[in-house]
Amino acid sequence: MAINVKDPQFGAAGDGSRDDAPAIQAAINYAKSLQANPFAQYKATVYFPAGYYLINSSINLTGAGGIWLVGDGGPYLNTIILGNTGNRPMFDFTGSSQSGCENFTFLPSSASAPSTLGVQFALSSTGGLNCGIKRCYFQMTDVPTANGGFGSIGLLNVRSEEFYIHECLIRANVPLVMSYAANITYTGVNYTATSNFQTVTAGSGSMGVTSINGTSLQTLEKRQPAVVLNGTNSFNFQGYMSRLSTANGTNETAILCLNSTINLKIHATIESFSRLLQVRDTGFAYNQLDIISANSTAPTTELIDVTNCIVTSLRARIGLPNASERANRTVLYHAPASNGTQQVAGIVQNSEIDCYDITNNNQIITQALLKKSANMVFNTGRPFEKKGGKIRQLTNNRVSAGTLGALTTATIFQFQEARLTSTTANNSGYYRINIDGVLKAGGYGSGAAATLCFEAQIVVNQKFDGTLDPISITTVILDQSVTNPSYLNVNGMVLDLTFSGGIGRVTLVPRVSGSGTGEAVYYEGSAEIQSDFFVNDPVPL
């Protein structure tokens, strides 16, 4: 059954000057009074013809069971709600189930108390399930001190589960806040969600199963994240996040996760934010990130910050199409502990990180976090994994060693040191490097070729003061094949390990004989490294 707010019995004007809240509320109350049709999902649809509807008080949709509000024509500038409700929501769906709205534009009024909160859904004693909103447009204003430091909020959801947002554009200081408790607190923000009409359920509880599709979230300035998730689970987002302006504020985080976050799935393009996601001191489990990051013209932060968090089963695929935005940005970051001289509190395990745009593995994960990681795969330009306490290259490394008659030293493995160079305390440890390689002489078109297969182990201990013991190298020749040894033969090699500028380098000089001057000589193989230093793990480069 469709109820028209402009029908004479309700009398909404939609002219933008008269307060239409009483007329709209009368239509809503009439819809609530109707008996539910047992064969229909919704008991009533409340229709708003195109127009500007000024409301000086929140529309009370609390406790509704199957009330659906429908604007006219589409999401942009057709049915406009001009909110003059201050810090109270324009539409309050607290305690409602199977209810929601579509085809509305929400704008703060230019009157005495412009709205700083668009639409609110929350759990109460009367309900809070299976609600949603679609094809709506929110254009809030920049009011940084409103709502306990949040500023303007487009859409707020407190424990209203099985919730969806489809095909919306939300512009506000914080476009979307989802919380498992009425109170939300973090640096600069202390906010408690309330309703004028019902008591929002106290305490904390499940905040799960949210589906967001085809939606754009845009912040006003650099004041707050595009999404604040406080204790959510099963949150799915497909869409776009960006900022309208960056003139004011210092926030760089697009998605902020507070308390435990489980089964988060983000498939998005995120523009202008330097940091894609930050998790604050909590658990982060079974989450999937498929994100393209672009148009952060001067990025100053890491991409994903999991400082002090327990991260498990993370699948992150990050694209950085603009080359100018790749330098010096760590993909998975943990802040150092005690100026980098102590182990970090965070843990990451059973996870896989993809970022092929990163060419330096030092940027894929913080070394101190790698130390506290297990069962990890990093798919970069030079992929590697950490399993069973060993860090292993996942691709063959093919390196030229010159030609017969003009042999050169080949660097066959490099890694960022784990040892600390800034302290002489807690600095002892060891490196154990295993090389599995092939030395080959002769090109693809050569009439003769020689091949030598070998394994090598290199071990070096470091004392607490940072000095190194003599390096121990063991080489085992596994097999050898030669077509014409008088023309070309590989007899062995000399391996070495050196350190310079914080980089460890394994080098190889082949031993090749014969008359085939000019024949190419090269190494091909892989390496793994094991270590035990107090703070960091080495990173293969």
Protein backbone atom coordinates (compact mmCIF):
# COMPACT_ATOMS: atom_id res chain seq x y z
CA MET A 1 0.00 0.00 0.00
CA ALA A 2 1.44 3.41 -1.01
CA ILE A 3 0.91 6.37 1.30
CA ASN A 4 1.55 9.82 -0.22
CA VAL A 5 2.89 12.40 2.23
CA LYS A 6 1.20 15.13 0.14
CA ASP A 7 -2.26 13.60 0.48
CA PRO A 8 -4.63 16.08 2.16
CA GLN A 9 -4.91 14.00 5.33
CA PHE A 10 -1.16 14.54 5.89
CA GLY A 11 -0.50 17.75 3.98
CA ALA A 12 3.25 17.89 3.27
CA ALA A 13 4.08 20.88 1.07
CA GLY A 14 7.51 19.98 -0.31
CA ASP A 15 8.22 23.65 -1.00
CA GLY A 16 11.42 23.96 1.04
CA SER A 17 10.08 26.71 3.29
CA ARG A 18 7.37 25.16 5.47
CA ASP A 19 8.26 22.62 8.16
CA ASP A 20 7.06 19.33 6.71
CA ALA A 21 8.15 17.16 9.66
CA PRO A 22 4.66 17.02 11.28
CA ALA A 23 3.00 16.02 8.00
CA ILE A 24 5.63 13.42 7.20
CA GLN A 25 5.39 12.05 10.72
CA ALA A 26 1.62 11.76 10.41
CA ALA A 27 2.07 9.68 7.25
CA ILE A 28 4.67 7.49 8.97
CA ASN A 29 2.43 6.98 12.00
CA TYR A 30 -0.44 6.00 9.74
CA ALA A 31 1.81 3.49 7.97
CA LYS A 32 2.83 2.03 11.35
CA SER A 33 -0.80 1.64 12.34
CA LEU A 34 -1.68 -0.56 9.39
CA GLN A 35 -2.00 -4.27 9.97
CA ALA A 36 0.77 -6.24 8.29
CA ASN A 37 -0.21 -8.21 5.22
CA PRO A 38 0.95 -11.79 5.89
CA PHE A 39 1.59 -12.26 2.15
CA ALA A 40 3.72 -9.10 1.66
CA GLN A 41 7.22 -8.31 2.85
CA TYR A 42 6.39 -4.72 3.78
CA LYS A 43 3.25 -3.45 5.44
CA ALA A 44 3.41 -0.02 3.73
CA THR A 45 5.33 2.20 1.33
CA VAL A 46 5.44 5.91 2.10
CA TYR A 47 5.84 7.96 -1.07
CA PHE A 48 7.45 11.42 -1.31
CA PRO A 49 6.73 13.19 -4.63
CA ALA A 50 9.54 15.35 -6.01
CA GLY A 51 10.11 18.45 -3.93
CA TYR A 52 12.08 20.03 -1.10
CA TYR A 53 10.94 18.79 2.31
CA LEU A 54 12.17 20.97 5.17
CA ILE A 55 12.19 19.10 8.49
CA ASN A 56 12.89 20.87 11.79
CA SER A 57 12.84 17.63 13.79
CA SER A 58 13.88 14.04 13.21
CA ILE A 59 11.44 11.77 11.43
CA ASN A 60 10.56 9.01 13.89
CA LEU A 61 10.79 5.67 12.13
CA THR A 62 11.81 3.84 15.30
CA GLY A 63 10.27 0.47 15.96
CA ALA A 64 8.97 0.23 12.40
CA GLY A 65 8.35 -3.21 10.99
CA GLY A 66 8.32 -3.10 7.20
CA ILE A 67 8.06 0.65 6.50
CA TRP A 68 9.74 1.66 3.23
CA LEU A 69 10.17 5.31 2.25
CA VAL A 70 10.39 6.08 -1.47
CA GLY A 71 11.38 9.34 -3.10
CA ASP A 72 10.56 10.37 -6.64
CA GLY A 73 12.51 9.66 -9.81
CA GLY A 74 16.05 8.89 -8.73
CA PRO A 75 18.84 9.60 -6.28
CA TYR A 76 19.89 13.10 -7.35
CA LEU A 77 17.93 16.30 -6.66
CA ASN A 78 14.41 14.93 -7.01
CA THR A 79 13.05 14.29 -3.55
CA ILE A 80 15.19 16.41 -1.24
CA ILE A 81 15.14 16.27 2.55
CA LEU A 82 16.37 19.58 3.99
CA GLY A 83 17.48 18.71 7.50
CA ASN A 84 17.28 21.26 10.28
CA THR A 85 17.69 18.68 13.05
CA GLY A 86 21.08 19.66 14.52
CA ASN A 87 22.99 16.61 15.73
CA ARG A 88 19.89 14.41 15.47
CA PRO A 89 19.36 12.22 12.38
CA MET A 90 17.04 13.35 9.60
CA PHE A 91 15.58 9.83 9.46
CA ASP A 92 15.79 7.76 12.67
CA PHE A 93 15.30 4.00 12.07
CA THR A 94 16.38 2.93 15.57
CA GLY A 95 14.75 -0.39 16.51
CA SER A 96 13.31 -0.91 13.01
CA SER A 97 13.33 -4.12 11.02
CA GLN A 98 12.72 -4.76 7.32
CA SER A 99 12.62 -1.01 6.77
CA GLY A 100 14.57 1.63 4.90
CA CYS A 101 14.47 4.24 2.14
CA GLU A 102 15.38 4.92 -1.49
CA ASN A 103 15.54 7.77 -4.00
CA PHE A 104 16.28 10.59 -1.52
CA THR A 105 18.74 13.45 -1.43
CA PHE A 106 19.74 14.46 2.12
CA LEU A 107 20.94 18.04 2.53
CA PRO A 108 21.45 20.13 5.67
CA SER A 109 19.22 23.18 5.70
CA SER A 110 20.48 26.73 5.78
CA ALA A 111 18.31 27.44 8.84
CA SER A 112 19.27 27.64 12.52
CA ALA A 113 20.19 23.99 13.20
CA PRO A 114 21.43 22.31 10.01
CA SER A 115 21.61 18.53 10.32
CA THR A 116 25.00 16.94 11.00
CA LEU A 117 23.67 13.35 10.87
CA GLY A 118 21.89 11.94 7.84
CA VAL A 119 20.23 8.60 8.60
CA GLN A 120 20.53 6.38 11.68
CA PHE A 121 19.88 2.66 12.09
CA ALA A 122 20.35 1.07 15.51
CA LEU A 123 19.36 -1.89 17.62
CA SER A 124 16.82 -1.39 20.40
CA SER A 125 14.37 -3.51 22.35
CA THR A 126 11.92 -3.34 19.40
CA GLY A 127 14.27 -4.68 16.74
CA GLY A 128 17.04 -3.80 14.33
CA LEU A 129 17.37 -6.32 11.51
CA ASN A 130 17.12 -6.54 7.71
CA CYS A 131 17.13 -2.83 6.95
CA GLY A 132 18.70 -0.99 4.04
CA ILE A 133 19.07 2.10 1.93
CA LYS A 134 19.52 2.46 -1.83
CA ARG A 135 19.87 5.08 -4.56
CA CYS A 136 20.31 7.93 -2.07
CA TYR A 137 22.57 10.97 -2.14
CA PHE A 138 23.99 12.63 0.99
CA GLN A 139 25.65 16.03 0.82
CA MET A 140 26.50 16.94 4.41
CA THR A 141 28.54 19.99 5.45
CA ASP A 142 31.96 20.31 7.04
CA VAL A 143 31.30 20.66 10.78
CA PRO A 144 34.41 19.18 12.42
CA THR A 145 33.31 19.64 16.05
CA ALA A 146 29.93 17.94 15.67
CA ASN A 147 29.06 14.47 16.96
CA GLY A 148 31.78 14.15 19.56
CA GLY A 149 34.55 15.00 17.11
CA PHE A 150 33.36 12.87 14.20
CA GLY A 151 32.07 15.92 12.38
CA SER A 152 29.13 15.38 10.07
CA ILE A 153 28.09 11.73 9.60
CA GLY A 154 26.27 10.55 6.50
CA LEU A 155 24.99 7.19 7.71
CA LEU A 156 25.30 5.67 11.20
CA ASN A 157 24.57 2.05 12.03
CA VAL A 158 24.79 0.69 15.58
CA ARG A 159 24.18 -3.08 15.71
CA SER A 160 21.45 -3.10 13.04
CA GLU A 161 22.40 -6.35 11.32
CA GLU A 162 21.71 -7.89 7.91
CA PHE A 163 22.05 -4.38 6.55
CA TYR A 164 22.72 -3.09 3.03
CA ILE A 165 23.62 0.08 1.13
CA HIS A 166 23.24 -0.02 -2.64
CA GLU A 167 24.04 2.60 -5.30
CA CYS A 168 24.51 5.54 -2.96
CA LEU A 169 26.79 8.58 -2.89
CA ILE A 170 27.57 9.76 0.64
CA ARG A 171 29.56 12.93 1.28
CA ALA A 172 30.31 13.93 4.87
CA ASN A 173 33.16 14.34 7.33
CA VAL A 174 32.62 10.62 7.97
CA PRO A 175 30.36 9.14 5.28
CA LEU A 176 29.80 5.81 7.09
CA VAL A 177 30.09 4.64 10.69
CA MET A 178 29.33 1.01 11.64
CA SER A 179 29.59 0.03 15.31
CA TYR A 180 28.94 -2.91 17.61
CA ALA A 181 28.34 -0.50 20.53
CA ALA A 182 26.67 2.87 20.96
CA ASN A 183 29.85 4.46 22.30
CA ILE A 184 32.73 4.98 19.85
CA THR A 185 36.03 6.33 21.11
CA TYR A 186 39.41 6.90 19.48
CA THR A 187 41.87 9.76 19.29
CA GLY A 188 39.92 12.99 18.98
CA VAL A 189 36.50 11.27 18.98
CA ASN A 190 34.19 10.36 21.87
CA TYR A 191 30.68 9.81 20.59
CA THR A 192 27.62 7.98 21.90
CA ALA A 193 24.72 7.24 19.57
CA THR A 194 21.29 8.08 20.96
CA SER A 195 17.71 8.45 19.77
CA ASN A 196 15.03 10.93 20.82
CA PHE A 197 12.41 8.19 20.60
CA GLN A 198 13.94 4.93 21.86
CA THR A 199 16.82 3.72 23.97
CA VAL A 200 19.67 2.39 21.86
CA THR A 201 20.67 -1.03 23.20
CA ALA A 202 23.51 -0.71 25.69
CA GLY A 203 26.69 -2.77 25.73
CA SER A 204 28.27 -4.43 22.73
CA GLY A 205 27.20 -7.26 20.47
CA SER A 206 27.40 -8.65 16.97
CA MET A 207 27.69 -6.11 14.14
CA GLY A 208 27.65 -8.37 11.14
CA VAL A 209 26.47 -9.06 7.62
CA THR A 210 26.59 -5.73 5.83
CA SER A 211 26.48 -5.54 2.03
CA ILE A 212 27.51 -2.33 0.26
CA ASN A 213 27.49 -2.29 -3.54
CA GLY A 214 27.98 0.37 -6.19
CA THR A 215 28.50 3.02 -3.53
CA SER A 216 30.79 6.04 -3.37
CA LEU A 217 32.01 7.39 -0.02
CA GLN A 218 33.64 10.81 -0.10
CA THR A 219 34.99 12.69 2.91
CA LEU A 220 34.95 16.44 3.36
CA GLU A 221 38.54 17.60 3.82
CA LYS A 222 41.20 15.48 5.59
CA ARG A 223 39.47 15.31 8.95
CA GLN A 224 38.18 11.73 9.27
CA PRO A 225 38.19 8.34 7.53
CA ALA A 226 35.66 7.47 4.85
CA VAL A 227 34.59 4.43 6.90
CA VAL A 228 34.84 3.79 10.63
CA LEU A 229 34.27 0.14 11.56
CA ASN A 230 33.95 -0.50 15.28
CA GLY A 231 33.80 -4.22 16.04
CA THR A 232 32.25 -5.35 12.74
CA ASN A 233 32.13 -8.77 11.13
CA SER A 234 31.05 -9.87 7.65
CA PHE A 235 31.32 -6.40 6.13
CA ASN A 236 31.39 -6.36 2.30
CA PHE A 237 32.14 -3.19 0.34
CA GLN A 238 32.26 -2.77 -3.43
CA GLY A 239 32.71 0.78 -4.65
CA TYR A 240 34.81 3.91 -4.42
CA MET A 241 36.33 6.06 -1.66
CA SER A 242 37.88 9.49 -2.02
CA ARG A 243 38.04 13.02 -0.62
CA LEU A 244 36.35 16.13 -1.97
CA SER A 245 39.05 18.46 -0.63
CA THR A 246 42.32 18.16 1.25
CA ALA A 247 42.74 21.76 2.42
CA ASN A 248 41.94 21.17 6.10
CA GLY A 249 42.88 18.41 8.53
CA THR A 250 45.62 15.80 8.76
CA ASN A 251 43.84 12.42 8.52
CA GLU A 252 45.27 10.08 5.89
CA THR A 253 43.29 6.89 6.67
CA ALA A 254 40.49 5.73 4.37
CA ILE A 255 39.22 2.81 6.48
CA LEU A 256 39.63 2.75 10.27
CA CYS A 257 39.02 -0.53 12.13
CA LEU A 258 38.47 -0.40 15.88
CA ASN A 259 38.11 -3.49 18.06
CA SER A 260 37.98 -6.89 16.40
CA THR A 261 37.31 -6.98 12.65
CA ILE A 262 36.38 -10.32 11.08
CA ASN A 263 35.47 -11.27 7.50
CA LEU A 264 36.00 -7.83 6.00
CA LYS A 265 35.90 -7.77 2.20
CA ILE A 266 36.86 -4.58 0.40
CA HIS A 267 36.81 -4.38 -3.41
CA ALA A 268 37.45 -0.73 -4.15
CA THR A 269 39.34 2.06 -5.79
CA ILE A 270 40.59 4.41 -3.09
CA GLU A 271 41.85 7.82 -4.18
CA SER A 272 43.71 10.65 -2.43
CA PHE A 273 44.12 8.85 0.92
CA SER A 274 47.74 8.02 1.68
CA ARG A 275 46.82 5.19 4.09
CA LEU A 276 44.28 2.66 2.86
CA LEU A 277 43.50 0.97 6.17
CA GLN A 278 44.46 1.24 9.82
CA VAL A 279 43.67 -1.33 12.51
CA ARG A 280 43.89 -0.11 16.10
CA ASP A 281 45.36 -2.51 18.69
CA THR A 282 43.04 -5.46 18.09
CA GLY A 283 42.30 -8.60 16.11
CA PHE A 284 42.03 -8.64 12.32
CA ALA A 285 41.04 -12.07 10.99
CA TYR A 286 39.82 -13.67 7.73
CA ASN A 287 39.83 -10.41 5.80
CA GLN A 288 40.23 -9.72 2.09
CA LEU A 289 41.39 -6.48 0.49
CA ASP A 290 41.31 -5.92 -3.28
CA ILE A 291 42.23 -2.26 -3.63
CA ILE A 292 43.56 0.08 -6.29
CA SER A 293 45.20 3.10 -4.67
CA ALA A 294 45.68 6.23 -6.74
CA ASN A 295 45.92 10.03 -6.80
CA SER A 296 47.66 10.44 -3.48
CA THR A 297 49.90 13.11 -4.94
CA ALA A 298 52.33 13.22 -2.02
CA PRO A 299 51.91 9.99 -0.04
CA THR A 300 53.37 10.22 3.46
CA THR A 301 52.27 6.99 5.11
CA GLU A 302 52.29 3.24 4.82
CA LEU A 303 49.37 1.55 3.03
CA ILE A 304 48.10 -0.82 5.75
CA ASP A 305 48.89 -0.17 9.43
CA VAL A 306 48.40 -3.15 11.78
CA THR A 307 50.43 -1.89 14.74
CA ASN A 308 49.86 -3.99 17.90
CA CYS A 309 47.34 -6.23 16.11
CA ILE A 310 46.96 -9.97 15.74
CA VAL A 311 46.45 -10.51 12.02
CA THR A 312 45.49 -13.90 10.65
CA SER A 313 44.30 -15.14 7.26
CA LEU A 314 44.66 -11.79 5.51
CA ARG A 315 44.47 -11.80 1.71
CA ALA A 316 45.54 -8.39 0.43
CA ARG A 317 45.93 -7.49 -3.25
CA ILE A 318 47.05 -3.88 -3.66
CA GLY A 319 47.60 -2.04 -6.95
CA LEU A 320 49.56 1.21 -7.26
CA PRO A 321 49.20 2.17 -10.93
CA ASN A 322 50.96 5.53 -10.57
CA ALA A 323 54.72 5.03 -10.35
CA SER A 324 55.19 8.32 -8.50
CA GLU A 325 53.13 6.98 -5.56
CA ARG A 326 55.20 3.85 -4.87
CA ALA A 327 58.41 5.13 -3.33
CA ASN A 328 59.03 4.56 0.39
CA ARG A 329 55.55 3.19 1.15
CA THR A 330 55.37 0.03 3.23
CA VAL A 331 52.44 -2.22 2.32
CA LEU A 332 52.06 -4.02 5.68
CA TYR A 333 53.37 -1.83 8.48
CA HIS A 334 53.97 -2.10 12.21
CA ALA A 335 55.34 0.85 14.16
CA PRO A 336 58.71 0.19 15.85
CA ALA A 337 58.87 -0.62 19.55
CA SER A 338 61.23 1.35 21.79
CA ASN A 339 62.89 3.12 18.88
CA GLY A 340 63.21 -0.17 17.04
CA THR A 341 65.25 -1.98 19.68
CA GLN A 342 62.49 -4.26 21.04
CA GLN A 343 60.16 -6.81 19.51
CA VAL A 344 56.82 -5.46 18.31
CA ALA A 345 53.56 -6.59 19.89
CA GLY A 346 51.80 -7.45 16.64
CA ILE A 347 51.61 -10.83 14.91
CA VAL A 348 50.73 -11.77 11.34
CA GLN A 349 50.21 -15.34 10.19
CA ASN A 350 48.62 -17.53 7.51
CA SER A 351 48.38 -14.61 5.09
CA GLU A 352 49.21 -13.66 1.50
CA ILE A 353 50.10 -10.19 0.27
CA ASP A 354 50.17 -9.20 -3.43
CA CYS A 355 51.69 -5.95 -4.62
CA TYR A 356 53.54 -6.33 -7.91
CA ASP A 357 54.00 -2.58 -8.21
CA ILE A 358 56.45 -2.68 -5.30
CA THR A 359 59.91 -3.43 -6.66
CA ASN A 360 61.78 -3.29 -3.35
CA ASN A 361 60.84 -6.08 -0.94
CA ASN A 362 61.82 -3.82 1.95
CA GLN A 363 58.50 -2.08 1.31
CA ILE A 364 56.25 -5.14 1.45
CA ILE A 365 56.38 -5.67 5.24
CA THR A 366 58.10 -4.10 8.22
CA GLN A 367 61.11 -6.21 9.20
CA ALA A 368 60.04 -6.31 12.85
CA LEU A 369 56.61 -7.61 11.83
CA LEU A 370 58.20 -10.20 9.55
CA LYS A 371 60.05 -11.44 12.64
CA LYS A 372 56.65 -12.06 14.29
CA SER A 373 55.09 -13.70 11.23
CA ALA A 374 54.46 -17.31 10.22
CA ASN A 375 53.18 -19.06 7.10
CA MET A 376 53.33 -16.00 4.85
CA VAL A 377 53.54 -15.46 1.08
CA PHE A 378 54.55 -12.15 -0.50
CA ASN A 379 53.86 -11.83 -4.23
CA THR A 380 56.00 -8.96 -5.45
CA GLY A 381 58.33 -8.40 -8.37
CA ARG A 382 60.69 -10.72 -6.43
CA PRO A 383 58.27 -12.99 -4.54
CA PHE A 384 59.23 -14.77 -1.33
CA GLU A 385 57.64 -16.68 1.51
CA LYS A 386 58.21 -17.37 5.17
CA LYS A 387 57.33 -20.88 6.24
CA GLY A 388 58.78 -23.12 8.91
CA GLY A 389 60.92 -20.24 10.14
CA LYS A 390 62.73 -20.00 6.78
CA ILE A 391 62.45 -17.17 4.27
CA ARG A 392 62.67 -18.49 0.73
CA GLN A 393 62.78 -16.98 -2.74
CA LEU A 394 59.91 -18.10 -4.95
CA THR A 395 61.57 -17.50 -8.29
CA ASN A 396 64.81 -18.51 -9.93
CA ASN A 397 67.49 -15.88 -9.96
CA ARG A 398 69.43 -15.90 -13.27
CA VAL A 399 72.66 -13.90 -13.16
CA SER A 400 75.43 -13.46 -15.71
CA ALA A 401 78.96 -14.34 -14.63
CA GLY A 402 80.65 -13.02 -17.76
CA THR A 403 82.23 -15.23 -20.42
CA LEU A 404 85.04 -17.72 -20.58
CA GLY A 405 88.14 -15.57 -20.62
CA ALA A 406 86.37 -12.63 -18.96
CA LEU A 407 84.64 -14.00 -15.88
CA THR A 408 82.97 -11.64 -13.42
CA THR A 409 81.75 -11.85 -9.82
CA ALA A 410 78.00 -12.54 -9.77
CA THR A 411 75.78 -11.42 -6.89
CA ILE A 412 73.42 -14.40 -6.54
CA PHE A 413 71.47 -13.40 -3.41
CA GLN A 414 70.89 -10.19 -1.47
CA PHE A 415 69.04 -9.46 1.74
CA GLN A 416 68.35 -6.60 4.09
CA GLU A 417 70.21 -7.26 7.32
CA ALA A 418 68.24 -8.22 10.42
CA ARG A 419 70.90 -7.07 12.84
CA LEU A 420 70.65 -3.65 14.41
CA THR A 421 73.37 -1.19 13.58
CA SER A 422 72.26 1.44 16.11
CA THR A 423 72.83 -0.54 19.32
CA THR A 424 75.20 -3.01 20.93
CA ALA A 425 72.51 -4.55 23.14
CA ASN A 426 70.28 -7.51 22.23
CA ASN A 427 72.13 -7.69 18.93
CA SER A 428 73.51 -11.19 18.72
CA GLY A 429 72.19 -13.71 16.24
CA TYR A 430 73.06 -15.71 13.15
CA TYR A 431 72.40 -16.02 9.44
CA ARG A 432 72.12 -19.38 7.74
CA ILE A 433 71.79 -19.22 3.96
CA ASN A 434 71.08 -22.21 1.74
CA ILE A 435 71.80 -21.93 -1.99
CA ASP A 436 70.43 -24.40 -4.56
CA GLY A 437 72.01 -23.51 -7.87
CA VAL A 438 73.29 -24.40 -11.31
CA LEU A 439 76.36 -23.05 -13.04
CA LYS A 440 76.15 -23.31 -16.82
CA ALA A 441 78.60 -22.40 -19.55
CA GLY A 442 77.67 -22.19 -23.21
CA GLY A 443 74.80 -20.46 -24.96
CA TYR A 444 71.63 -21.93 -26.46
CA GLY A 445 73.25 -22.21 -29.87
CA SER A 446 76.59 -23.48 -28.64
CA GLY A 447 78.00 -26.73 -29.97
CA ALA A 448 79.25 -27.56 -26.49
CA ALA A 449 77.97 -26.92 -23.00
CA ALA A 450 78.93 -27.63 -19.41
CA THR A 451 76.69 -27.73 -16.35
CA LEU A 452 77.43 -28.04 -12.64
CA CYS A 453 74.69 -28.48 -10.03
CA PHE A 454 75.49 -27.65 -6.41
CA GLU A 455 74.13 -26.84 -2.98
CA ALA A 456 75.83 -24.52 -0.54
CA GLN A 457 75.35 -23.46 3.06
CA ILE A 458 76.71 -20.24 4.52
CA VAL A 459 76.63 -19.61 8.28
CA VAL A 460 77.82 -16.61 10.27
CA ASN A 461 77.29 -15.69 13.92
CA GLN A 462 77.04 -12.16 15.19
CA LYS A 463 78.12 -11.12 18.67
CA PHE A 464 76.03 -8.92 20.93
CA ASP A 465 78.12 -5.89 20.00
CA GLY A 466 77.39 -6.36 16.29
CA THR A 467 80.72 -7.81 15.21
CA LEU A 468 80.71 -10.92 13.03
CA ASP A 469 82.51 -14.21 13.51
CA PRO A 470 84.40 -15.69 10.54
CA ILE A 471 82.01 -16.88 7.84
CA SER A 472 81.65 -20.63 7.32
CA ILE A 473 80.84 -21.86 3.79
CA THR A 474 80.15 -25.46 2.77
CA THR A 475 79.65 -26.40 -0.89
CA VAL A 476 78.48 -29.77 -2.19
CA ILE A 477 78.72 -30.66 -5.91
CA LEU A 478 75.60 -32.66 -6.71
CA ASP A 479 76.15 -33.44 -10.38
CA GLN A 480 78.09 -32.36 -13.40
CA SER A 481 77.64 -32.71 -17.15
CA VAL A 482 80.04 -31.69 -19.92
CA THR A 483 79.90 -32.11 -23.70
CA ASN A 484 83.54 -31.33 -24.58
CA PRO A 485 85.70 -30.63 -21.53
CA SER A 486 88.66 -29.45 -23.57
CA TYR A 487 86.46 -26.78 -25.14
CA LEU A 488 84.33 -25.84 -22.12
CA ASN A 489 84.12 -27.14 -18.57
CA VAL A 490 82.77 -25.84 -15.23
CA ASN A 491 85.11 -26.98 -12.48
CA GLY A 492 83.63 -25.26 -9.43
CA MET A 493 83.09 -21.87 -7.81
CA VAL A 494 84.18 -19.58 -5.00
CA LEU A 495 81.36 -18.30 -2.75
CA ASP A 496 81.51 -15.36 -0.36
CA LEU A 497 79.22 -13.36 1.93
CA THR A 498 79.82 -9.65 2.46
CA PHE A 499 77.96 -6.86 4.27
CA SER A 500 77.79 -3.23 3.24
CA GLY A 501 75.25 -0.48 3.90
CA GLY A 502 72.90 -2.83 5.72
CA ILE A 503 72.76 -5.26 2.79
CA GLY A 504 74.12 -8.80 2.85
CA ARG A 505 75.38 -10.11 -0.50
CA VAL A 506 76.22 -13.65 -1.50
CA THR A 507 78.65 -13.59 -4.42
CA LEU A 508 79.96 -16.28 -6.71
CA VAL A 509 83.01 -16.49 -8.95
CA PRO A 510 82.85 -19.51 -11.31
CA ARG A 511 85.83 -21.67 -12.14
CA VAL A 512 85.65 -22.43 -15.89
CA SER A 513 88.27 -23.89 -18.22
CA GLY A 514 88.67 -24.73 -21.91
CA SER A 515 89.42 -23.12 -25.23
CA GLY A 516 85.94 -21.75 -25.87
CA THR A 517 86.76 -18.12 -25.20
CA GLY A 518 83.68 -15.92 -25.26
CA GLU A 519 81.19 -18.62 -24.26
CA ALA A 520 78.62 -17.24 -21.78
CA VAL A 521 78.72 -18.31 -18.16
CA TYR A 522 75.79 -17.78 -15.81
CA TYR A 523 74.26 -18.86 -12.52
CA GLU A 524 70.65 -19.84 -12.01
CA GLY A 525 69.11 -20.86 -8.69
CA SER A 526 67.21 -19.94 -5.55
CA ALA A 527 68.06 -19.25 -1.94
CA GLU A 528 66.52 -19.37 1.51
CA ILE A 529 67.66 -17.68 4.67
CA GLN A 530 67.17 -18.56 8.30
CA SER A 531 68.10 -16.32 11.20
CA ASP A 532 67.51 -15.56 14.84
CA PHE A 533 67.88 -11.91 15.70
CA PHE A 534 65.98 -10.30 18.56
CA VAL A 535 63.98 -7.67 16.65
CA ASN A 536 64.01 -8.16 12.89
CA ASP A 537 63.99 -10.78 10.17
CA PRO A 538 66.09 -10.36 7.02
CA VAL A 539 64.23 -9.52 3.82
CA PRO A 540 65.35 -11.07 0.51
CA LEU A 541 65.95 -8.41 -2.11
